[in-house]
Structures are given as C-alpha cells and as structure tokens.
Amino acid sequence: MSESDDKIHTTDYAFGQAVMRAGRSFVAAKGKEPAIEGADLAAMLRGGMPLGPGEREELAQLVTGEWRRRAGEAGKARKVHPETPEVIAVDVAYQEAIASNQERFGRDYPENARQAVADQFSISKATVKNYVEMRQERQEAIREVKARAPIT
C-alpha cells in the first residue's frame, strides 16, 4: 500500500463502503431504503467485527447526522478532507481500477476507470477526479515534508 496507509488509513474498506451505503439511506433526495442500504453494515456489526478508531469515527458521523445534509445546507457543496474515509475509498478504488484494468479500459483508461468508480460509488466522474487529485496533492505534500525533515 502507499505511504498514507500507515496511521492515517485505519478504516477497513468493506466497512467504509457499508457505512457509506447506510448513510445514503438517510438522505431523503436519494430515496434509499435503510433496511436494504444498511444490511451489510448491520451484518458486520452483528457478526462481531472488531472496530478500530476509523470505523468508530464513521459510525459516530453516521449516528450524529454528519452524513446527511442539514436543511440549511441544501445545494451547498460538502467540505471534504483528503483523509476522510469516503475520499480514501474512492482513491483506492480508482488506483486499483487503473492498476488492474488498464488493458481492459483501453486507450482512454483513466476516463473509463473514473466512470467505473463513479458508478461503483454513485458519484459523478468529476467527484472521482477531484478526490483522486486531492489525495495526490496530499500525498505529495507529505512526501515534501518528509524530504525536508531532518534525519535523526
């Protein structure tokens, strides 16, 4: 995995996906059914899956309503940080799609990979592109800081 996978990336990928699907059910505009969208998450929780700090944070965001837009925020873009579980999950899926499917996607593989990931996460291709760029910028900044850090 990449450098950012040390302490920052603590969320189990499947768990993050399940929380995102469950969270979508609380967004009225999406019209999702909680019993269907939350089934994977419920099964994981009932199955005794151990929870780390990343998973606990995702659950906290889900139950406090941070996953849904508040009435006064309708139409406003949600502020997203490069290390949020959703951004990490999208970036990881995109990097995996690029690495494993370059031949299948053909000459326009970055665009086709973006579309595949957008479909997987029910987001736009532009959002996939933004998340990937956000993570690349963050990782580059981390590399620069590490390069300038004094050797001890």
N, C-alpha and C. Protein backbone atom coordinates (compact mmCIF):
# COMPACT_ATOMS: atom_id res chain seq x y z
N MET A 1 0.83 -1.19 0.00
CA MET A 1 0.00 0.00 0.00
C MET A 1 0.87 1.25 0.00
N SER A 2 0.27 2.43 -0.08
CA SER A 2 1.01 3.68 -0.17
C SER A 2 1.46 4.17 1.21
N GLU A 3 2.23 5.27 1.20
CA GLU A 3 2.73 5.85 2.45
C GLU A 3 1.60 6.26 3.37
N SER A 4 0.47 6.68 2.81
CA SER A 4 -0.62 7.20 3.63
C SER A 4 -1.36 6.09 4.35
N ASP A 5 -1.00 4.85 4.11
CA ASP A 5 -1.71 3.74 4.72
C ASP A 5 -1.23 3.43 6.13
N ASP A 6 -0.24 4.15 6.64
CA ASP A 6 0.28 3.84 7.95
C ASP A 6 -0.73 4.16 9.05
N LYS A 7 -0.74 5.35 9.59
CA LYS A 7 -1.66 5.68 10.67
C LYS A 7 -2.93 6.34 10.18
N ILE A 8 -2.85 6.97 9.02
CA ILE A 8 -3.99 7.74 8.52
C ILE A 8 -5.11 6.83 8.03
N HIS A 9 -4.76 5.79 7.27
CA HIS A 9 -5.75 4.92 6.66
C HIS A 9 -6.04 3.75 7.60
N THR A 10 -6.96 3.96 8.55
CA THR A 10 -7.26 2.94 9.53
C THR A 10 -8.60 2.26 9.28
N THR A 11 -9.33 2.69 8.27
CA THR A 11 -10.66 2.17 8.05
C THR A 11 -10.64 0.95 7.14
N ASP A 12 -11.32 -0.11 7.55
CA ASP A 12 -11.49 -1.28 6.71
C ASP A 12 -12.33 -0.87 5.51
N TYR A 13 -11.86 -1.21 4.31
CA TYR A 13 -12.51 -0.77 3.07
C TYR A 13 -13.97 -1.22 2.99
N ALA A 14 -14.25 -2.50 3.25
CA ALA A 14 -15.62 -3.01 3.16
C ALA A 14 -16.51 -2.32 4.19
N PHE A 15 -15.95 -2.06 5.37
CA PHE A 15 -16.73 -1.38 6.41
C PHE A 15 -17.07 0.03 5.96
N GLY A 16 -16.10 0.73 5.39
CA GLY A 16 -16.35 2.09 4.90
C GLY A 16 -17.42 2.12 3.83
N GLN A 17 -17.37 1.14 2.93
CA GLN A 17 -18.40 1.04 1.88
C GLN A 17 -19.78 0.83 2.50
N ALA A 18 -19.85 -0.04 3.50
CA ALA A 18 -21.14 -0.33 4.14
C ALA A 18 -21.69 0.90 4.85
N VAL A 19 -20.82 1.65 5.52
CA VAL A 19 -21.26 2.87 6.19
C VAL A 19 -21.76 3.89 5.17
N MET A 20 -21.04 4.02 4.05
CA MET A 20 -21.48 4.98 3.02
C MET A 20 -22.86 4.59 2.47
N ARG A 21 -23.06 3.30 2.21
CA ARG A 21 -24.36 2.87 1.69
C ARG A 21 -25.45 3.12 2.72
N ALA A 22 -25.17 2.82 3.99
CA ALA A 22 -26.15 3.05 5.04
C ALA A 22 -26.43 4.54 5.18
N GLY A 23 -25.39 5.35 5.09
CA GLY A 23 -25.55 6.80 5.21
C GLY A 23 -26.41 7.39 4.12
N ARG A 24 -26.31 6.82 2.91
CA ARG A 24 -27.12 7.33 1.80
C ARG A 24 -28.61 7.16 2.07
N SER A 25 -28.98 6.18 2.86
CA SER A 25 -30.40 5.95 3.12
C SER A 25 -31.01 7.08 3.94
N PHE A 26 -30.18 7.87 4.60
CA PHE A 26 -30.69 8.97 5.40
C PHE A 26 -30.82 10.26 4.62
N VAL A 27 -30.46 10.25 3.36
CA VAL A 27 -30.58 11.43 2.51
C VAL A 27 -31.88 11.29 1.73
N ALA A 28 -32.86 12.10 2.10
CA ALA A 28 -34.20 11.97 1.52
C ALA A 28 -34.20 12.04 0.00
N ALA A 29 -33.37 12.88 -0.57
CA ALA A 29 -33.38 13.06 -2.02
C ALA A 29 -32.96 11.79 -2.76
N LYS A 30 -32.20 10.94 -2.11
CA LYS A 30 -31.74 9.72 -2.77
C LYS A 30 -32.81 8.64 -2.76
N GLY A 31 -33.77 8.71 -1.83
CA GLY A 31 -34.85 7.74 -1.78
C GLY A 31 -34.41 6.31 -1.51
N LYS A 32 -33.38 6.14 -0.73
CA LYS A 32 -32.87 4.80 -0.43
C LYS A 32 -33.60 4.21 0.78
N GLU A 33 -33.70 2.91 0.81
CA GLU A 33 -34.37 2.19 1.90
C GLU A 33 -33.32 1.75 2.93
N PRO A 34 -33.44 2.21 4.19
CA PRO A 34 -32.44 1.87 5.21
C PRO A 34 -32.26 0.37 5.40
N ALA A 35 -33.33 -0.41 5.34
CA ALA A 35 -33.22 -1.86 5.56
C ALA A 35 -32.36 -2.52 4.48
N ILE A 36 -32.40 -1.97 3.28
CA ILE A 36 -31.61 -2.53 2.18
C ILE A 36 -30.19 -1.96 2.22
N GLU A 37 -30.09 -0.64 2.28
CA GLU A 37 -28.78 0.02 2.23
C GLU A 37 -27.93 -0.26 3.46
N GLY A 38 -28.57 -0.47 4.60
CA GLY A 38 -27.84 -0.71 5.84
C GLY A 38 -27.61 -2.17 6.17
N ALA A 39 -28.07 -3.08 5.30
CA ALA A 39 -27.98 -4.51 5.59
C ALA A 39 -26.54 -4.99 5.78
N ASP A 40 -25.62 -4.57 4.91
CA ASP A 40 -24.22 -5.01 5.04
C ASP A 40 -23.60 -4.51 6.34
N LEU A 41 -23.85 -3.25 6.66
CA LEU A 41 -23.30 -2.69 7.88
C LEU A 41 -23.87 -3.41 9.10
N ALA A 42 -25.17 -3.64 9.11
CA ALA A 42 -25.80 -4.35 10.23
C ALA A 42 -25.21 -5.75 10.39
N ALA A 43 -25.00 -6.44 9.28
CA ALA A 43 -24.43 -7.79 9.35
C ALA A 43 -23.02 -7.76 9.93
N MET A 44 -22.22 -6.75 9.53
CA MET A 44 -20.86 -6.64 10.07
C MET A 44 -20.89 -6.37 11.57
N LEU A 45 -21.76 -5.47 11.99
CA LEU A 45 -21.84 -5.13 13.40
C LEU A 45 -22.35 -6.30 14.23
N ARG A 46 -23.35 -6.98 13.72
CA ARG A 46 -23.91 -8.13 14.44
C ARG A 46 -22.98 -9.34 14.40
N GLY A 47 -22.10 -9.38 13.42
CA GLY A 47 -21.18 -10.51 13.27
C GLY A 47 -19.95 -10.42 14.16
N GLY A 48 -19.85 -9.39 14.95
CA GLY A 48 -18.73 -9.27 15.89
C GLY A 48 -17.46 -8.72 15.28
N MET A 49 -17.57 -7.98 14.18
CA MET A 49 -16.39 -7.39 13.57
C MET A 49 -15.71 -6.44 14.56
N PRO A 50 -14.40 -6.60 14.79
CA PRO A 50 -13.71 -5.66 15.69
C PRO A 50 -13.66 -4.27 15.05
N LEU A 51 -13.87 -3.25 15.86
CA LEU A 51 -13.90 -1.88 15.35
C LEU A 51 -12.66 -1.12 15.79
N GLY A 52 -11.99 -0.51 14.83
CA GLY A 52 -10.84 0.34 15.11
C GLY A 52 -11.28 1.79 15.19
N PRO A 53 -10.36 2.72 15.39
CA PRO A 53 -10.71 4.13 15.51
C PRO A 53 -11.38 4.69 14.25
N GLY A 54 -10.95 4.25 13.08
CA GLY A 54 -11.57 4.74 11.83
C GLY A 54 -13.01 4.31 11.71
N GLU A 55 -13.28 3.04 12.04
CA GLU A 55 -14.65 2.54 11.98
C GLU A 55 -15.54 3.23 13.01
N ARG A 56 -14.99 3.45 14.19
CA ARG A 56 -15.78 4.13 15.24
C ARG A 56 -16.13 5.56 14.81
N GLU A 57 -15.18 6.24 14.16
CA GLU A 57 -15.44 7.60 13.68
C GLU A 57 -16.54 7.61 12.63
N GLU A 58 -16.50 6.63 11.71
CA GLU A 58 -17.55 6.57 10.68
C GLU A 58 -18.92 6.34 11.30
N LEU A 59 -18.99 5.46 12.29
CA LEU A 59 -20.27 5.24 12.96
C LEU A 59 -20.73 6.49 13.69
N ALA A 60 -19.80 7.18 14.33
CA ALA A 60 -20.15 8.42 15.03
C ALA A 60 -20.72 9.44 14.06
N GLN A 61 -20.09 9.57 12.88
CA GLN A 61 -20.59 10.50 11.87
C GLN A 61 -21.97 10.08 11.37
N LEU A 62 -22.18 8.79 11.25
CA LEU A 62 -23.47 8.29 10.78
C LEU A 62 -24.58 8.60 11.78
N VAL A 63 -24.34 8.28 13.04
CA VAL A 63 -25.41 8.44 14.03
C VAL A 63 -25.62 9.89 14.47
N THR A 64 -24.64 10.76 14.25
CA THR A 64 -24.83 12.17 14.60
C THR A 64 -25.40 12.98 13.45
N GLY A 65 -25.59 12.34 12.30
CA GLY A 65 -26.19 13.04 11.16
C GLY A 65 -25.19 13.78 10.30
N GLU A 66 -23.89 13.63 10.57
CA GLU A 66 -22.89 14.31 9.76
C GLU A 66 -22.89 13.80 8.32
N TRP A 67 -23.47 12.63 8.09
CA TRP A 67 -23.51 12.05 6.75
C TRP A 67 -24.57 12.70 5.88
N ARG A 68 -25.56 13.31 6.47
CA ARG A 68 -26.61 13.91 5.64
C ARG A 68 -26.51 15.42 5.69
N ARG A 69 -27.05 16.02 4.68
CA ARG A 69 -27.03 17.48 4.63
C ARG A 69 -28.15 18.02 5.50
N ARG A 70 -27.84 19.07 6.19
CA ARG A 70 -28.87 19.72 7.01
C ARG A 70 -29.71 20.61 6.11
N ALA A 71 -30.90 20.95 6.56
CA ALA A 71 -31.84 21.72 5.73
C ALA A 71 -31.21 23.01 5.21
N GLY A 72 -30.45 23.71 6.03
CA GLY A 72 -29.84 24.97 5.62
C GLY A 72 -28.67 24.80 4.67
N GLU A 73 -28.21 23.57 4.48
CA GLU A 73 -27.07 23.33 3.61
C GLU A 73 -27.46 22.75 2.27
N ALA A 74 -28.75 22.65 2.00
CA ALA A 74 -29.19 22.06 0.73
C ALA A 74 -28.59 22.83 -0.43
N GLY A 75 -28.02 22.11 -1.36
CA GLY A 75 -27.43 22.73 -2.54
C GLY A 75 -26.00 23.20 -2.36
N LYS A 76 -25.52 23.23 -1.13
CA LYS A 76 -24.13 23.66 -0.88
C LYS A 76 -23.22 22.45 -0.95
N ALA A 77 -22.04 22.66 -1.45
CA ALA A 77 -21.06 21.58 -1.52
C ALA A 77 -20.59 21.22 -0.11
N ARG A 78 -20.45 19.95 0.13
CA ARG A 78 -19.98 19.45 1.41
C ARG A 78 -18.46 19.59 1.45
N LYS A 79 -17.91 20.07 2.56
CA LYS A 79 -16.46 20.18 2.68
C LYS A 79 -15.90 18.78 2.91
N VAL A 80 -14.92 18.43 2.10
CA VAL A 80 -14.34 17.10 2.18
C VAL A 80 -12.83 17.24 2.35
N HIS A 81 -12.28 16.47 3.26
CA HIS A 81 -10.85 16.46 3.54
C HIS A 81 -10.22 15.26 2.82
N PRO A 82 -8.97 15.37 2.37
CA PRO A 82 -8.34 14.26 1.65
C PRO A 82 -8.21 12.96 2.45
N GLU A 83 -8.30 13.03 3.76
CA GLU A 83 -8.14 11.82 4.57
C GLU A 83 -9.46 11.28 5.10
N THR A 84 -10.59 11.77 4.61
CA THR A 84 -11.87 11.20 5.03
C THR A 84 -12.02 9.81 4.42
N PRO A 85 -12.71 8.92 5.10
CA PRO A 85 -12.86 7.55 4.60
C PRO A 85 -13.44 7.48 3.18
N GLU A 86 -14.39 8.34 2.87
CA GLU A 86 -15.00 8.31 1.53
C GLU A 86 -13.97 8.66 0.45
N VAL A 87 -13.19 9.70 0.68
CA VAL A 87 -12.18 10.12 -0.30
C VAL A 87 -11.12 9.02 -0.46
N ILE A 88 -10.68 8.45 0.65
CA ILE A 88 -9.69 7.38 0.59
C ILE A 88 -10.24 6.18 -0.18
N ALA A 89 -11.49 5.80 0.12
CA ALA A 89 -12.09 4.63 -0.55
C ALA A 89 -12.20 4.86 -2.06
N VAL A 90 -12.60 6.06 -2.47
CA VAL A 90 -12.71 6.37 -3.90
C VAL A 90 -11.33 6.33 -4.55
N ASP A 91 -10.34 6.93 -3.90
CA ASP A 91 -8.98 6.94 -4.46
C ASP A 91 -8.42 5.53 -4.57
N VAL A 92 -8.60 4.73 -3.53
CA VAL A 92 -8.10 3.34 -3.55
C VAL A 92 -8.77 2.57 -4.68
N ALA A 93 -10.08 2.71 -4.83
CA ALA A 93 -10.80 2.01 -5.90
C ALA A 93 -10.31 2.46 -7.27
N TYR A 94 -10.06 3.75 -7.43
CA TYR A 94 -9.57 4.27 -8.71
C TYR A 94 -8.18 3.73 -9.01
N GLN A 95 -7.29 3.77 -8.03
CA GLN A 95 -5.92 3.28 -8.24
C GLN A 95 -5.94 1.78 -8.57
N GLU A 96 -6.81 1.03 -7.90
CA GLU A 96 -6.92 -0.41 -8.19
C GLU A 96 -7.47 -0.63 -9.59
N ALA A 97 -8.46 0.18 -9.99
CA ALA A 97 -9.03 0.06 -11.33
C ALA A 97 -7.98 0.35 -12.40
N ILE A 98 -7.19 1.37 -12.17
CA ILE A 98 -6.12 1.73 -13.12
C ILE A 98 -5.09 0.60 -13.19
N ALA A 99 -4.67 0.11 -12.03
CA ALA A 99 -3.61 -0.89 -11.99
C ALA A 99 -4.03 -2.23 -12.60
N SER A 100 -5.26 -2.63 -12.35
CA SER A 100 -5.67 -3.97 -12.77
C SER A 100 -6.43 -4.01 -14.09
N ASN A 101 -6.90 -2.87 -14.57
CA ASN A 101 -7.77 -2.89 -15.75
C ASN A 101 -7.32 -1.99 -16.88
N GLN A 102 -6.07 -1.59 -16.89
CA GLN A 102 -5.59 -0.67 -17.92
C GLN A 102 -5.82 -1.25 -19.31
N GLU A 103 -5.55 -2.52 -19.49
CA GLU A 103 -5.74 -3.16 -20.79
C GLU A 103 -7.22 -3.23 -21.15
N ARG A 104 -8.06 -3.57 -20.19
CA ARG A 104 -9.50 -3.70 -20.44
C ARG A 104 -10.13 -2.35 -20.77
N PHE A 105 -9.68 -1.29 -20.10
CA PHE A 105 -10.27 0.03 -20.32
C PHE A 105 -9.81 0.67 -21.62
N GLY A 106 -8.75 0.17 -22.21
CA GLY A 106 -8.29 0.69 -23.50
C GLY A 106 -7.51 1.98 -23.38
N ARG A 107 -7.43 2.67 -24.52
CA ARG A 107 -6.60 3.87 -24.61
C ARG A 107 -7.04 4.97 -23.65
N ASP A 108 -8.32 5.10 -23.44
CA ASP A 108 -8.85 6.14 -22.55
C ASP A 108 -9.05 5.58 -21.14
N TYR A 109 -8.12 4.76 -20.69
CA TYR A 109 -8.33 4.08 -19.42
C TYR A 109 -8.54 5.00 -18.22
N PRO A 110 -7.89 6.17 -18.10
CA PRO A 110 -8.20 7.00 -16.92
C PRO A 110 -9.66 7.44 -16.90
N GLU A 111 -10.18 7.84 -18.04
CA GLU A 111 -11.57 8.29 -18.12
C GLU A 111 -12.53 7.12 -17.85
N ASN A 112 -12.24 5.97 -18.43
CA ASN A 112 -13.10 4.81 -18.22
C ASN A 112 -13.03 4.30 -16.78
N ALA A 113 -11.85 4.37 -16.18
CA ALA A 113 -11.71 3.98 -14.77
C ALA A 113 -12.49 4.94 -13.88
N ARG A 114 -12.44 6.24 -14.19
CA ARG A 114 -13.22 7.23 -13.43
C ARG A 114 -14.71 6.90 -13.50
N GLN A 115 -15.18 6.54 -14.70
CA GLN A 115 -16.60 6.21 -14.86
C GLN A 115 -16.96 4.96 -14.05
N ALA A 116 -16.10 3.95 -14.08
CA ALA A 116 -16.37 2.72 -13.33
C ALA A 116 -16.45 3.00 -11.83
N VAL A 117 -15.53 3.81 -11.33
CA VAL A 117 -15.53 4.14 -9.90
C VAL A 117 -16.72 5.03 -9.56
N ALA A 118 -17.05 5.97 -10.44
CA ALA A 118 -18.23 6.82 -10.22
C ALA A 118 -19.49 5.96 -10.10
N ASP A 119 -19.62 4.99 -10.98
CA ASP A 119 -20.78 4.08 -10.92
C ASP A 119 -20.77 3.27 -9.63
N GLN A 120 -19.60 2.80 -9.23
CA GLN A 120 -19.47 1.98 -8.02
C GLN A 120 -19.91 2.75 -6.77
N PHE A 121 -19.56 4.04 -6.69
CA PHE A 121 -19.85 4.83 -5.50
C PHE A 121 -21.07 5.73 -5.65
N SER A 122 -21.73 5.68 -6.80
CA SER A 122 -22.89 6.54 -7.07
C SER A 122 -22.55 8.01 -6.93
N ILE A 123 -21.42 8.40 -7.52
CA ILE A 123 -20.99 9.80 -7.53
C ILE A 123 -20.63 10.16 -8.96
N SER A 124 -20.35 11.43 -9.21
CA SER A 124 -20.02 11.86 -10.57
C SER A 124 -18.54 11.58 -10.88
N LYS A 125 -18.23 11.55 -12.18
CA LYS A 125 -16.83 11.38 -12.60
C LYS A 125 -16.00 12.56 -12.11
N ALA A 126 -16.59 13.75 -12.09
CA ALA A 126 -15.87 14.93 -11.62
C ALA A 126 -15.49 14.78 -10.14
N THR A 127 -16.38 14.19 -9.35
CA THR A 127 -16.08 13.97 -7.94
C THR A 127 -14.93 12.97 -7.80
N VAL A 128 -14.96 11.91 -8.59
CA VAL A 128 -13.86 10.94 -8.57
C VAL A 128 -12.55 11.66 -8.89
N LYS A 129 -12.56 12.45 -9.95
CA LYS A 129 -11.35 13.17 -10.35
C LYS A 129 -10.87 14.10 -9.23
N ASN A 130 -11.81 14.84 -8.62
CA ASN A 130 -11.44 15.75 -7.53
C ASN A 130 -10.85 15.00 -6.35
N TYR A 131 -11.47 13.88 -5.96
CA TYR A 131 -10.98 13.11 -4.82
C TYR A 131 -9.58 12.56 -5.10
N VAL A 132 -9.37 12.03 -6.31
CA VAL A 132 -8.06 11.47 -6.66
C VAL A 132 -7.00 12.58 -6.65
N GLU A 133 -7.32 13.72 -7.24
CA GLU A 133 -6.37 14.84 -7.25
C GLU A 133 -6.09 15.34 -5.84
N MET A 134 -7.14 15.38 -5.01
CA MET A 134 -7.00 15.82 -3.63
C MET A 134 -6.02 14.92 -2.88
N ARG A 135 -6.18 13.61 -3.06
CA ARG A 135 -5.29 12.65 -2.40
C ARG A 135 -3.86 12.75 -2.95
N GLN A 136 -3.72 12.94 -4.26
CA GLN A 136 -2.38 13.06 -4.85
C GLN A 136 -1.67 14.29 -4.30
N GLU A 137 -2.39 15.41 -4.20
CA GLU A 137 -1.80 16.63 -3.65
C GLU A 137 -1.39 16.42 -2.20
N ARG A 138 -2.23 15.75 -1.44
CA ARG A 138 -1.95 15.49 -0.04
C ARG A 138 -0.71 14.60 0.10
N GLN A 139 -0.65 13.54 -0.69
CA GLN A 139 0.49 12.62 -0.62
C GLN A 139 1.78 13.31 -1.05
N GLU A 140 1.70 14.19 -2.05
CA GLU A 140 2.88 14.95 -2.48
C GLU A 140 3.34 15.89 -1.37
N ALA A 141 2.40 16.54 -0.70
CA ALA A 141 2.75 17.43 0.41
C ALA A 141 3.43 16.66 1.53
N ILE A 142 2.94 15.46 1.82
CA ILE A 142 3.54 14.63 2.86
C ILE A 142 4.96 14.24 2.46
N ARG A 143 5.14 13.85 1.19
CA ARG A 143 6.49 13.50 0.71
C ARG A 143 7.44 14.68 0.84
N GLU A 144 6.97 15.88 0.49
CA GLU A 144 7.82 17.07 0.58
C GLU A 144 8.23 17.36 2.01
N VAL A 145 7.29 17.23 2.94
CA VAL A 145 7.60 17.47 4.35
C VAL A 145 8.61 16.44 4.84
N LYS A 146 8.39 15.19 4.48
CA LYS A 146 9.32 14.13 4.90
C LYS A 146 10.71 14.35 4.31
N ALA A 147 10.78 14.84 3.08
CA ALA A 147 12.07 15.09 2.44
C ALA A 147 12.83 16.23 3.12
N ARG A 148 12.10 17.20 3.65
CA ARG A 148 12.73 18.34 4.32
C ARG A 148 13.02 18.08 5.78
N ALA A 149 12.41 17.04 6.34
CA ALA A 149 12.57 16.75 7.77
C ALA A 149 14.02 16.37 8.04
N PRO A 150 14.56 16.86 9.16
CA PRO A 150 15.95 16.50 9.49
C PRO A 150 16.05 15.01 9.82
N ILE A 151 17.15 14.41 9.41
CA ILE A 151 17.38 12.99 9.69
C ILE A 151 17.87 12.88 11.12
N THR A 152 17.24 12.02 11.88
CA THR A 152 17.64 11.84 13.29
C THR A 152 18.19 10.47 13.54
